[in-house]
């Protein structure tokens, strides 16, 4: 199983080092980068397309919520875990569709639970090999499972909405179902 690729974003080097240390102890993610500035975070997240981003809320110039908006405006949709010392941001994180919210100092058990929840969510949409879907069909299926529309998927993958719809029809045919709801019921 491939480990989720992640990036850690915080404006404090000690916070980054602590999070990297905790992540390395868990052996559950592949840390691909860190960012000390929001600008670098937006650039690297958009370029590297990680699965998971651990992002501080309060940073100079651009806060964590704005990072999420700018990354998504660049048609990149990783799962975000907000990491902050301020519990009052929890509701805002939920409204920003954060995958999770962790309070600093991050507890290794809470981090472990968060990553386990992420991995469990990803397994929910695991596609058995028996369905012989192409790589593109698997990619589209993963995006459908994240709630993306055909238009959004087309923008993300730089293909037309009609091409996405064609792939979606083929996926349904290969799995032997008539609707997306039926598809996910069968795959879970």
N, C-alpha and C. Protein backbone atom coordinates (compact mmCIF):
# COMPACT_ATOMS: atom_id res chain seq x y z
N UNK A 1 0.83 -1.18 0.00
CA UNK A 1 0.00 0.00 0.00
C UNK A 1 0.88 1.24 0.00
N UNK A 2 0.55 2.20 -0.86
CA UNK A 2 1.29 3.44 -0.91
C UNK A 2 0.90 4.30 0.28
N UNK A 3 1.90 4.91 0.89
CA UNK A 3 1.64 5.81 2.01
C UNK A 3 1.14 7.15 1.48
N UNK A 4 0.22 7.80 2.22
CA UNK A 4 -0.22 9.13 1.79
C UNK A 4 0.97 10.09 1.79
N UNK A 5 1.07 10.88 0.75
CA UNK A 5 2.13 11.87 0.64
C UNK A 5 1.67 13.14 1.35
N UNK A 6 2.54 13.72 2.20
CA UNK A 6 2.09 14.89 2.95
C UNK A 6 3.11 16.02 2.97
N UNK A 7 2.58 17.21 3.23
CA UNK A 7 3.39 18.41 3.39
C UNK A 7 3.00 19.04 4.72
N UNK A 8 3.99 19.56 5.45
CA UNK A 8 3.75 20.24 6.72
C UNK A 8 4.02 21.73 6.51
N UNK A 9 3.05 22.56 6.93
CA UNK A 9 3.15 24.01 6.75
C UNK A 9 3.02 24.69 8.11
N UNK A 10 4.03 25.46 8.47
CA UNK A 10 3.99 26.22 9.71
C UNK A 10 5.05 27.32 9.60
N UNK A 11 4.79 28.47 10.21
CA UNK A 11 5.76 29.55 10.14
C UNK A 11 6.80 29.46 11.26
N UNK A 12 6.72 28.45 12.10
CA UNK A 12 7.69 28.25 13.18
C UNK A 12 8.48 26.97 12.92
N UNK A 13 9.78 27.11 12.80
CA UNK A 13 10.64 25.97 12.48
C UNK A 13 10.53 24.86 13.53
N UNK A 14 10.41 25.24 14.81
CA UNK A 14 10.30 24.23 15.86
C UNK A 14 9.00 23.42 15.72
N UNK A 15 7.93 24.07 15.31
CA UNK A 15 6.66 23.36 15.10
C UNK A 15 6.77 22.38 13.93
N UNK A 16 7.45 22.80 12.87
CA UNK A 16 7.67 21.90 11.73
C UNK A 16 8.52 20.71 12.16
N UNK A 17 9.59 20.98 12.87
CA UNK A 17 10.47 19.89 13.31
C UNK A 17 9.73 18.91 14.21
N UNK A 18 8.89 19.42 15.12
CA UNK A 18 8.13 18.54 16.01
C UNK A 18 7.15 17.68 15.21
N UNK A 19 6.42 18.31 14.28
CA UNK A 19 5.46 17.54 13.47
C UNK A 19 6.18 16.49 12.62
N UNK A 20 7.29 16.86 12.03
CA UNK A 20 8.06 15.91 11.21
C UNK A 20 8.56 14.74 12.07
N UNK A 21 8.99 15.05 13.28
CA UNK A 21 9.45 14.01 14.21
C UNK A 21 8.30 13.06 14.54
N UNK A 22 7.14 13.61 14.86
CA UNK A 22 5.98 12.76 15.18
C UNK A 22 5.58 11.89 13.99
N UNK A 23 5.55 12.49 12.81
CA UNK A 23 5.17 11.75 11.61
C UNK A 23 6.17 10.63 11.32
N UNK A 24 7.44 10.89 11.54
CA UNK A 24 8.45 9.86 11.28
C UNK A 24 8.33 8.70 12.27
N UNK A 25 7.89 8.98 13.48
CA UNK A 25 7.70 7.92 14.48
C UNK A 25 6.54 7.00 14.10
N UNK A 26 5.54 7.56 13.42
CA UNK A 26 4.35 6.77 13.10
C UNK A 26 4.51 5.90 11.86
N UNK A 27 5.40 6.26 10.96
CA UNK A 27 5.63 5.49 9.73
C UNK A 27 4.33 5.28 8.92
N UNK A 28 3.45 6.27 8.91
CA UNK A 28 2.17 6.13 8.21
C UNK A 28 2.00 7.07 7.04
N UNK A 29 2.94 7.99 6.85
CA UNK A 29 2.87 8.92 5.73
C UNK A 29 4.25 9.09 5.13
N UNK A 30 4.27 9.56 3.91
CA UNK A 30 5.53 9.92 3.27
C UNK A 30 5.60 11.44 3.28
N UNK A 31 6.50 11.98 4.07
CA UNK A 31 6.68 13.43 4.15
C UNK A 31 7.45 13.87 2.91
N UNK A 32 6.81 14.67 2.05
CA UNK A 32 7.47 15.06 0.81
C UNK A 32 8.02 16.48 0.84
N UNK A 33 7.54 17.31 1.79
CA UNK A 33 8.04 18.68 1.84
C UNK A 33 7.54 19.37 3.10
N UNK A 34 8.18 20.50 3.41
CA UNK A 34 7.73 21.39 4.47
C UNK A 34 7.76 22.80 3.91
N UNK A 35 7.00 23.69 4.53
CA UNK A 35 7.00 25.09 4.09
C UNK A 35 6.91 25.99 5.31
N UNK A 36 7.81 26.97 5.36
CA UNK A 36 7.84 27.94 6.45
C UNK A 36 7.04 29.20 6.12
N UNK A 37 6.71 29.40 4.85
CA UNK A 37 5.94 30.58 4.46
C UNK A 37 4.68 30.14 3.73
N UNK A 38 3.62 30.91 3.85
CA UNK A 38 2.39 30.58 3.13
C UNK A 38 2.60 30.57 1.61
N UNK A 39 3.42 31.48 1.13
CA UNK A 39 3.66 31.55 -0.32
C UNK A 39 4.32 30.27 -0.83
N UNK A 40 5.33 29.79 -0.10
CA UNK A 40 5.99 28.54 -0.49
C UNK A 40 4.99 27.38 -0.38
N UNK A 41 4.17 27.41 0.66
CA UNK A 41 3.19 26.34 0.85
C UNK A 41 2.25 26.24 -0.35
N UNK A 42 1.71 27.36 -0.78
CA UNK A 42 0.78 27.37 -1.92
C UNK A 42 1.47 26.84 -3.17
N UNK A 43 2.70 27.31 -3.40
CA UNK A 43 3.45 26.87 -4.58
C UNK A 43 3.73 25.37 -4.54
N UNK A 44 4.23 24.87 -3.41
CA UNK A 44 4.61 23.46 -3.31
C UNK A 44 3.41 22.51 -3.29
N UNK A 45 2.36 22.91 -2.60
CA UNK A 45 1.16 22.06 -2.57
C UNK A 45 0.58 21.93 -3.97
N UNK A 46 0.49 23.05 -4.65
CA UNK A 46 -0.05 23.05 -6.02
C UNK A 46 0.83 22.24 -6.97
N UNK A 47 2.13 22.37 -6.82
CA UNK A 47 3.06 21.66 -7.72
C UNK A 47 3.15 20.17 -7.41
N UNK A 48 3.21 19.82 -6.11
CA UNK A 48 3.47 18.43 -5.73
C UNK A 48 2.20 17.60 -5.50
N UNK A 49 1.07 18.26 -5.35
CA UNK A 49 -0.23 17.59 -5.17
C UNK A 49 -0.20 16.47 -4.13
N UNK A 50 0.09 16.85 -2.88
CA UNK A 50 0.11 15.83 -1.81
C UNK A 50 -1.30 15.32 -1.52
N UNK A 51 -1.37 14.24 -0.81
CA UNK A 51 -2.66 13.71 -0.39
C UNK A 51 -3.17 14.45 0.85
N UNK A 52 -2.24 14.83 1.71
CA UNK A 52 -2.57 15.36 3.03
C UNK A 52 -1.65 16.54 3.33
N UNK A 53 -2.24 17.62 3.89
CA UNK A 53 -1.45 18.79 4.27
C UNK A 53 -1.77 19.13 5.72
N UNK A 54 -0.73 19.21 6.53
CA UNK A 54 -0.86 19.67 7.92
C UNK A 54 -0.50 21.15 7.90
N UNK A 55 -1.48 22.01 8.19
CA UNK A 55 -1.26 23.44 8.02
C UNK A 55 -1.62 24.22 9.29
N UNK A 56 -0.71 25.11 9.69
CA UNK A 56 -0.95 26.01 10.81
C UNK A 56 -2.01 27.02 10.40
N UNK A 57 -2.78 27.51 11.34
CA UNK A 57 -3.81 28.50 11.02
C UNK A 57 -3.23 29.91 10.99
N UNK A 58 -2.58 30.31 12.08
CA UNK A 58 -2.08 31.69 12.18
C UNK A 58 -0.66 31.80 11.66
N UNK A 59 -0.54 32.49 10.52
CA UNK A 59 0.77 32.75 9.93
C UNK A 59 0.75 34.18 9.39
N UNK A 60 1.92 34.78 9.24
CA UNK A 60 1.95 36.15 8.73
C UNK A 60 1.51 36.23 7.26
N UNK A 61 0.88 37.30 6.91
CA UNK A 61 0.43 37.63 5.55
C UNK A 61 -0.76 36.80 5.08
N UNK A 62 -0.65 35.49 5.12
CA UNK A 62 -1.71 34.60 4.61
C UNK A 62 -1.94 33.52 5.66
N UNK A 63 -3.18 33.41 6.15
CA UNK A 63 -3.45 32.38 7.17
C UNK A 63 -3.75 31.03 6.52
N UNK A 64 -3.87 30.01 7.34
CA UNK A 64 -4.11 28.66 6.83
C UNK A 64 -5.38 28.52 6.02
N UNK A 65 -6.43 29.24 6.40
CA UNK A 65 -7.69 29.16 5.65
C UNK A 65 -7.53 29.75 4.25
N UNK A 66 -6.76 30.82 4.15
CA UNK A 66 -6.52 31.43 2.85
C UNK A 66 -5.63 30.52 1.99
N UNK A 67 -4.70 29.82 2.61
CA UNK A 67 -3.88 28.85 1.87
C UNK A 67 -4.79 27.81 1.21
N UNK A 68 -5.75 27.29 1.97
CA UNK A 68 -6.68 26.30 1.43
C UNK A 68 -7.41 26.88 0.22
N UNK A 69 -7.94 28.08 0.36
CA UNK A 69 -8.68 28.72 -0.75
C UNK A 69 -7.80 28.87 -1.99
N UNK A 70 -6.58 29.36 -1.79
CA UNK A 70 -5.69 29.58 -2.94
C UNK A 70 -5.26 28.27 -3.59
N UNK A 71 -5.01 27.26 -2.79
CA UNK A 71 -4.64 25.95 -3.35
C UNK A 71 -5.80 25.39 -4.16
N UNK A 72 -7.00 25.46 -3.61
CA UNK A 72 -8.17 24.95 -4.33
C UNK A 72 -8.48 25.78 -5.57
N UNK A 73 -8.20 27.08 -5.53
CA UNK A 73 -8.38 27.93 -6.71
C UNK A 73 -7.43 27.50 -7.83
N UNK A 74 -6.32 26.86 -7.45
CA UNK A 74 -5.36 26.30 -8.43
C UNK A 74 -5.72 24.87 -8.82
N UNK A 75 -6.94 24.46 -8.50
CA UNK A 75 -7.47 23.14 -8.87
C UNK A 75 -6.66 22.00 -8.27
N UNK A 76 -6.31 22.16 -7.02
CA UNK A 76 -5.60 21.14 -6.26
C UNK A 76 -6.41 20.90 -4.99
N UNK A 77 -6.71 19.64 -4.68
CA UNK A 77 -7.64 19.34 -3.60
C UNK A 77 -7.13 18.28 -2.62
N UNK A 78 -6.02 18.54 -1.94
CA UNK A 78 -5.59 17.59 -0.91
C UNK A 78 -6.51 17.68 0.30
N UNK A 79 -6.38 16.75 1.21
CA UNK A 79 -7.09 16.84 2.50
C UNK A 79 -6.24 17.69 3.42
N UNK A 80 -6.90 18.61 4.13
CA UNK A 80 -6.18 19.52 5.03
C UNK A 80 -6.48 19.19 6.48
N UNK A 81 -5.42 19.15 7.29
CA UNK A 81 -5.54 19.02 8.74
C UNK A 81 -5.00 20.32 9.32
N UNK A 82 -5.88 21.09 9.96
CA UNK A 82 -5.44 22.34 10.58
C UNK A 82 -4.79 22.02 11.91
N UNK A 83 -3.64 22.64 12.15
CA UNK A 83 -2.89 22.42 13.38
C UNK A 83 -2.65 23.80 14.00
N UNK A 84 -3.20 24.01 15.20
CA UNK A 84 -3.10 25.32 15.82
C UNK A 84 -3.17 25.23 17.34
N UNK A 85 -2.71 26.28 17.98
CA UNK A 85 -2.78 26.34 19.45
C UNK A 85 -4.10 26.95 19.91
N UNK A 86 -4.94 27.36 18.97
CA UNK A 86 -6.16 28.09 19.30
C UNK A 86 -7.42 27.30 18.94
N UNK A 87 -8.09 26.81 19.96
CA UNK A 87 -9.27 25.97 19.75
C UNK A 87 -10.44 26.73 19.10
N UNK A 88 -10.45 28.06 19.19
CA UNK A 88 -11.57 28.81 18.62
C UNK A 88 -11.65 28.69 17.09
N UNK A 89 -10.62 28.14 16.46
CA UNK A 89 -10.64 27.97 15.01
C UNK A 89 -11.32 26.66 14.58
N UNK A 90 -11.73 25.85 15.51
CA UNK A 90 -12.29 24.53 15.17
C UNK A 90 -13.52 24.64 14.27
N UNK A 91 -14.47 25.51 14.62
CA UNK A 91 -15.68 25.64 13.81
C UNK A 91 -15.35 26.16 12.42
N UNK A 92 -14.46 27.14 12.35
CA UNK A 92 -14.07 27.68 11.05
C UNK A 92 -13.39 26.60 10.21
N UNK A 93 -12.61 25.73 10.85
CA UNK A 93 -11.96 24.64 10.13
C UNK A 93 -12.99 23.68 9.56
N UNK A 94 -14.02 23.39 10.33
CA UNK A 94 -15.09 22.52 9.86
C UNK A 94 -15.78 23.15 8.65
N UNK A 95 -16.06 24.44 8.75
CA UNK A 95 -16.71 25.15 7.65
C UNK A 95 -15.82 25.20 6.41
N UNK A 96 -14.52 25.18 6.61
CA UNK A 96 -13.57 25.18 5.49
C UNK A 96 -13.37 23.77 4.94
N UNK A 97 -14.16 22.83 5.45
CA UNK A 97 -14.11 21.43 5.00
C UNK A 97 -12.76 20.78 5.29
N UNK A 98 -12.20 21.13 6.43
CA UNK A 98 -10.95 20.49 6.85
C UNK A 98 -11.20 19.02 7.09
N UNK A 99 -10.19 18.21 6.82
CA UNK A 99 -10.32 16.79 7.13
C UNK A 99 -10.27 16.60 8.64
N UNK A 100 -9.40 17.37 9.32
CA UNK A 100 -9.28 17.23 10.77
C UNK A 100 -8.72 18.52 11.35
N UNK A 101 -8.69 18.57 12.67
CA UNK A 101 -8.23 19.74 13.42
C UNK A 101 -7.47 19.23 14.63
N UNK A 102 -6.20 19.62 14.76
CA UNK A 102 -5.37 19.17 15.88
C UNK A 102 -4.86 20.38 16.65
N UNK A 103 -4.89 20.27 17.97
CA UNK A 103 -4.38 21.34 18.82
C UNK A 103 -2.91 21.13 19.13
N UNK A 104 -2.16 22.25 19.12
CA UNK A 104 -0.75 22.23 19.52
C UNK A 104 -0.69 22.30 21.04
N UNK A 105 0.28 21.69 21.67
CA UNK A 105 1.25 20.78 21.06
C UNK A 105 0.54 19.49 20.64
N UNK A 106 0.82 19.05 19.43
CA UNK A 106 0.16 17.88 18.87
C UNK A 106 0.55 16.64 19.66
N UNK A 107 -0.48 15.90 20.05
CA UNK A 107 -0.29 14.64 20.76
C UNK A 107 -0.12 13.53 19.73
N UNK A 108 0.88 12.69 19.90
CA UNK A 108 1.16 11.64 18.91
C UNK A 108 -0.03 10.69 18.75
N UNK A 109 -0.77 10.41 19.81
CA UNK A 109 -1.94 9.53 19.70
C UNK A 109 -3.04 10.17 18.87
N UNK A 110 -3.25 11.48 19.05
CA UNK A 110 -4.26 12.17 18.25
C UNK A 110 -3.85 12.24 16.78
N UNK A 111 -2.56 12.46 16.55
CA UNK A 111 -2.05 12.46 15.17
C UNK A 111 -2.24 11.09 14.54
N UNK A 112 -1.92 10.05 15.30
CA UNK A 112 -2.09 8.67 14.83
C UNK A 112 -3.55 8.41 14.46
N UNK A 113 -4.48 8.83 15.32
CA UNK A 113 -5.92 8.65 15.04
C UNK A 113 -6.34 9.40 13.79
N UNK A 114 -5.83 10.62 13.62
CA UNK A 114 -6.17 11.41 12.45
C UNK A 114 -5.71 10.71 11.16
N UNK A 115 -4.48 10.23 11.16
CA UNK A 115 -3.96 9.54 9.97
C UNK A 115 -4.71 8.23 9.74
N UNK A 116 -5.05 7.53 10.81
CA UNK A 116 -5.84 6.30 10.66
C UNK A 116 -7.20 6.60 10.04
N UNK A 117 -7.85 7.69 10.47
CA UNK A 117 -9.15 8.07 9.88
C UNK A 117 -8.98 8.40 8.40
N UNK A 118 -7.90 9.10 8.08
CA UNK A 118 -7.63 9.43 6.68
C UNK A 118 -7.46 8.15 5.86
N UNK A 119 -6.63 7.24 6.36
CA UNK A 119 -6.39 5.98 5.64
C UNK A 119 -7.66 5.15 5.51
N UNK A 120 -8.49 5.13 6.56
CA UNK A 120 -9.75 4.39 6.51
C UNK A 120 -10.67 4.98 5.45
N UNK A 121 -10.70 6.30 5.37
CA UNK A 121 -11.53 6.97 4.36
C UNK A 121 -11.06 6.61 2.96
N UNK A 122 -9.74 6.54 2.77
CA UNK A 122 -9.21 6.19 1.45
C UNK A 122 -9.51 4.74 1.10
N UNK A 123 -9.47 3.86 2.09
CA UNK A 123 -9.76 2.45 1.83
C UNK A 123 -11.21 2.23 1.45
N UNK A 124 -12.08 3.13 1.94
CA UNK A 124 -13.51 2.99 1.61
C UNK A 124 -13.74 2.99 0.11
N UNK A 125 -12.86 3.64 -0.64
CA UNK A 125 -13.05 3.71 -2.08
C UNK A 125 -12.00 2.90 -2.83
N UNK A 126 -11.44 1.93 -2.17
CA UNK A 126 -10.48 1.05 -2.83
C UNK A 126 -11.20 0.28 -3.93
N UNK A 127 -10.56 0.17 -5.06
CA UNK A 127 -11.17 -0.47 -6.22
C UNK A 127 -10.52 -1.83 -6.44
N UNK A 128 -11.29 -2.90 -6.30
CA UNK A 128 -10.72 -4.23 -6.51
C UNK A 128 -10.16 -4.38 -7.93
N UNK A 129 -9.07 -5.12 -8.06
CA UNK A 129 -8.42 -5.32 -9.35
C UNK A 129 -9.33 -6.02 -10.36
N UNK A 130 -10.31 -6.75 -9.87
CA UNK A 130 -11.19 -7.50 -10.78
C UNK A 130 -11.94 -6.60 -11.76
N UNK A 131 -12.05 -5.30 -11.47
CA UNK A 131 -12.81 -4.40 -12.34
C UNK A 131 -11.99 -3.84 -13.49
N UNK A 132 -10.71 -4.09 -13.55
CA UNK A 132 -9.81 -3.68 -14.63
C UNK A 132 -10.10 -2.27 -15.15
N UNK A 133 -10.12 -1.32 -14.23
CA UNK A 133 -10.28 0.07 -14.63
C UNK A 133 -8.93 0.61 -15.08
N UNK A 134 -8.98 1.51 -16.05
CA UNK A 134 -7.75 2.15 -16.49
C UNK A 134 -7.28 3.12 -15.40
N UNK A 135 -6.04 3.56 -15.52
CA UNK A 135 -5.49 4.52 -14.55
C UNK A 135 -6.34 5.79 -14.53
N UNK A 136 -6.75 6.27 -15.70
CA UNK A 136 -7.58 7.47 -15.79
C UNK A 136 -8.94 7.25 -15.13
N UNK A 137 -9.53 6.07 -15.34
CA UNK A 137 -10.82 5.77 -14.70
C UNK A 137 -10.69 5.73 -13.18
N UNK A 138 -9.60 5.15 -12.69
CA UNK A 138 -9.36 5.12 -11.24
C UNK A 138 -9.19 6.53 -10.68
N UNK A 139 -8.47 7.36 -11.42
CA UNK A 139 -8.26 8.76 -11.03
C UNK A 139 -9.61 9.49 -10.94
N UNK A 140 -10.44 9.30 -11.93
CA UNK A 140 -11.75 9.94 -11.96
C UNK A 140 -12.63 9.41 -10.82
N UNK A 141 -12.59 8.12 -10.59
CA UNK A 141 -13.38 7.53 -9.52
C UNK A 141 -12.99 8.11 -8.16
N UNK A 142 -11.69 8.28 -7.93
CA UNK A 142 -11.23 8.87 -6.67
C UNK A 142 -11.77 10.29 -6.50
N UNK A 143 -11.78 11.06 -7.58
CA UNK A 143 -12.28 12.44 -7.52
C UNK A 143 -13.80 12.48 -7.34
N UNK A 144 -14.50 11.54 -7.96
CA UNK A 144 -15.95 11.44 -7.75
C UNK A 144 -16.22 11.14 -6.28
N UNK A 145 -15.43 10.24 -5.71
CA UNK A 145 -15.60 9.87 -4.30
C UNK A 145 -15.35 11.06 -3.38
N UNK A 146 -14.54 12.02 -3.82
CA UNK A 146 -14.29 13.23 -3.03
C UNK A 146 -15.37 14.29 -3.26
N UNK A 147 -16.39 13.93 -4.03
CA UNK A 147 -17.51 14.85 -4.23
C UNK A 147 -17.34 15.82 -5.37
N UNK A 148 -16.37 15.59 -6.23
CA UNK A 148 -16.14 16.51 -7.35
C UNK A 148 -17.13 16.23 -8.48
N UNK A 149 -17.58 17.31 -9.13
CA UNK A 149 -18.48 17.19 -10.28
C UNK A 149 -17.66 16.86 -11.52
N UNK A 150 -18.35 16.47 -12.58
CA UNK A 150 -17.65 16.17 -13.83
C UNK A 150 -16.90 17.40 -14.33
N UNK A 151 -17.50 18.57 -14.19
CA UNK A 151 -16.84 19.81 -14.62
C UNK A 151 -15.57 20.04 -13.81
N UNK A 152 -15.65 19.89 -12.47
CA UNK A 152 -14.47 20.09 -11.62
C UNK A 152 -13.38 19.07 -11.95
N UNK A 153 -13.79 17.82 -12.17
CA UNK A 153 -12.82 16.77 -12.51
C UNK A 153 -12.13 17.11 -13.83
N UNK A 154 -12.91 17.58 -14.79
CA UNK A 154 -12.34 17.98 -16.08
C UNK A 154 -11.29 19.06 -15.92
N UNK A 155 -11.60 20.05 -15.05
CA UNK A 155 -10.64 21.14 -14.82
C UNK A 155 -9.38 20.62 -14.13
N UNK A 156 -9.56 19.73 -13.15
CA UNK A 156 -8.42 19.19 -12.42
C UNK A 156 -7.51 18.38 -13.35
N UNK A 157 -8.12 17.57 -14.21
CA UNK A 157 -7.35 16.67 -15.07
C UNK A 157 -7.06 17.24 -16.46
N UNK A 158 -7.52 18.47 -16.70
CA UNK A 158 -7.32 19.14 -18.00
C UNK A 158 -7.92 18.33 -19.15
N UNK A 159 -9.13 17.85 -18.92
CA UNK A 159 -9.89 17.18 -19.97
C UNK A 159 -11.31 17.77 -19.97
N UNK A 160 -12.07 17.50 -21.01
CA UNK A 160 -13.42 18.08 -21.08
C UNK A 160 -14.39 17.36 -20.14
N UNK A 161 -15.45 18.06 -19.78
CA UNK A 161 -16.51 17.49 -18.96
C UNK A 161 -17.10 16.26 -19.67
N UNK A 162 -17.23 16.34 -20.98
CA UNK A 162 -17.81 15.23 -21.75
C UNK A 162 -16.92 13.98 -21.68
N UNK A 163 -15.61 14.18 -21.71
CA UNK A 163 -14.68 13.06 -21.58
C UNK A 163 -14.82 12.43 -20.20
N UNK A 164 -14.95 13.27 -19.17
CA UNK A 164 -15.16 12.76 -17.81
C UNK A 164 -16.44 11.94 -17.76
N UNK A 165 -17.51 12.46 -18.34
CA UNK A 165 -18.80 11.74 -18.33
C UNK A 165 -18.67 10.39 -19.05
N UNK A 166 -17.92 10.36 -20.15
CA UNK A 166 -17.70 9.10 -20.87
C UNK A 166 -16.97 8.09 -19.97
N UNK A 167 -15.93 8.55 -19.29
CA UNK A 167 -15.21 7.67 -18.35
C UNK A 167 -16.14 7.18 -17.24
N UNK A 168 -16.97 8.07 -16.73
CA UNK A 168 -17.88 7.69 -15.64
C UNK A 168 -18.86 6.60 -16.12
N UNK A 169 -19.37 6.73 -17.35
CA UNK A 169 -20.27 5.70 -17.90
C UNK A 169 -19.54 4.36 -18.03
N UNK A 170 -18.30 4.41 -18.52
CA UNK A 170 -17.53 3.17 -18.66
C UNK A 170 -17.27 2.51 -17.31
N UNK A 171 -17.00 3.32 -16.30
CA UNK A 171 -16.77 2.77 -14.95
C UNK A 171 -18.02 2.04 -14.48
N UNK A 172 -19.17 2.66 -14.63
CA UNK A 172 -20.44 2.02 -14.22
C UNK A 172 -20.65 0.70 -14.96
N UNK A 173 -20.37 0.71 -16.28
CA UNK A 173 -20.53 -0.51 -17.08
C UNK A 173 -19.58 -1.61 -16.60
N UNK A 174 -18.33 -1.27 -16.38
CA UNK A 174 -17.34 -2.27 -15.96
C UNK A 174 -17.67 -2.89 -14.61
N UNK A 175 -18.21 -2.07 -13.70
CA UNK A 175 -18.54 -2.57 -12.37
C UNK A 175 -19.92 -3.24 -12.37
N UNK A 176 -20.71 -2.98 -13.40
CA UNK A 176 -22.02 -3.62 -13.51
C UNK A 176 -23.10 -2.97 -12.67
N UNK A 177 -23.07 -1.64 -12.59
CA UNK A 177 -24.08 -0.90 -11.83
C UNK A 177 -24.66 0.20 -12.71
N UNK A 178 -25.77 0.80 -12.23
CA UNK A 178 -26.45 1.82 -13.04
C UNK A 178 -26.30 3.23 -12.52
N UNK A 179 -25.81 3.40 -11.29
CA UNK A 179 -25.69 4.75 -10.73
C UNK A 179 -24.43 4.87 -9.87
N UNK A 180 -24.04 6.10 -9.64
CA UNK A 180 -22.88 6.35 -8.78
C UNK A 180 -23.15 5.87 -7.37
N UNK A 181 -24.38 6.08 -6.89
CA UNK A 181 -24.74 5.61 -5.55
C UNK A 181 -24.57 4.10 -5.45
N UNK A 182 -25.08 3.40 -6.44
CA UNK A 182 -24.96 1.93 -6.47
C UNK A 182 -23.49 1.51 -6.55
N UNK A 183 -22.71 2.25 -7.31
CA UNK A 183 -21.27 1.98 -7.45
C UNK A 183 -20.57 2.03 -6.11
N UNK A 184 -20.77 3.12 -5.36
CA UNK A 184 -20.08 3.26 -4.08
C UNK A 184 -20.62 2.31 -3.04
N UNK A 185 -21.88 1.96 -3.14
CA UNK A 185 -22.43 0.94 -2.24
C UNK A 185 -21.74 -0.40 -2.46
N UNK A 186 -21.47 -0.70 -3.72
CA UNK A 186 -20.82 -1.97 -4.06
C UNK A 186 -19.34 -1.99 -3.69
N UNK A 187 -18.65 -0.84 -3.82
CA UNK A 187 -17.23 -0.80 -3.56
C UNK A 187 -16.90 -0.70 -2.08
N UNK A 188 -17.84 -0.32 -1.24
CA UNK A 188 -17.55 -0.15 0.20
C UNK A 188 -17.77 -1.42 0.94
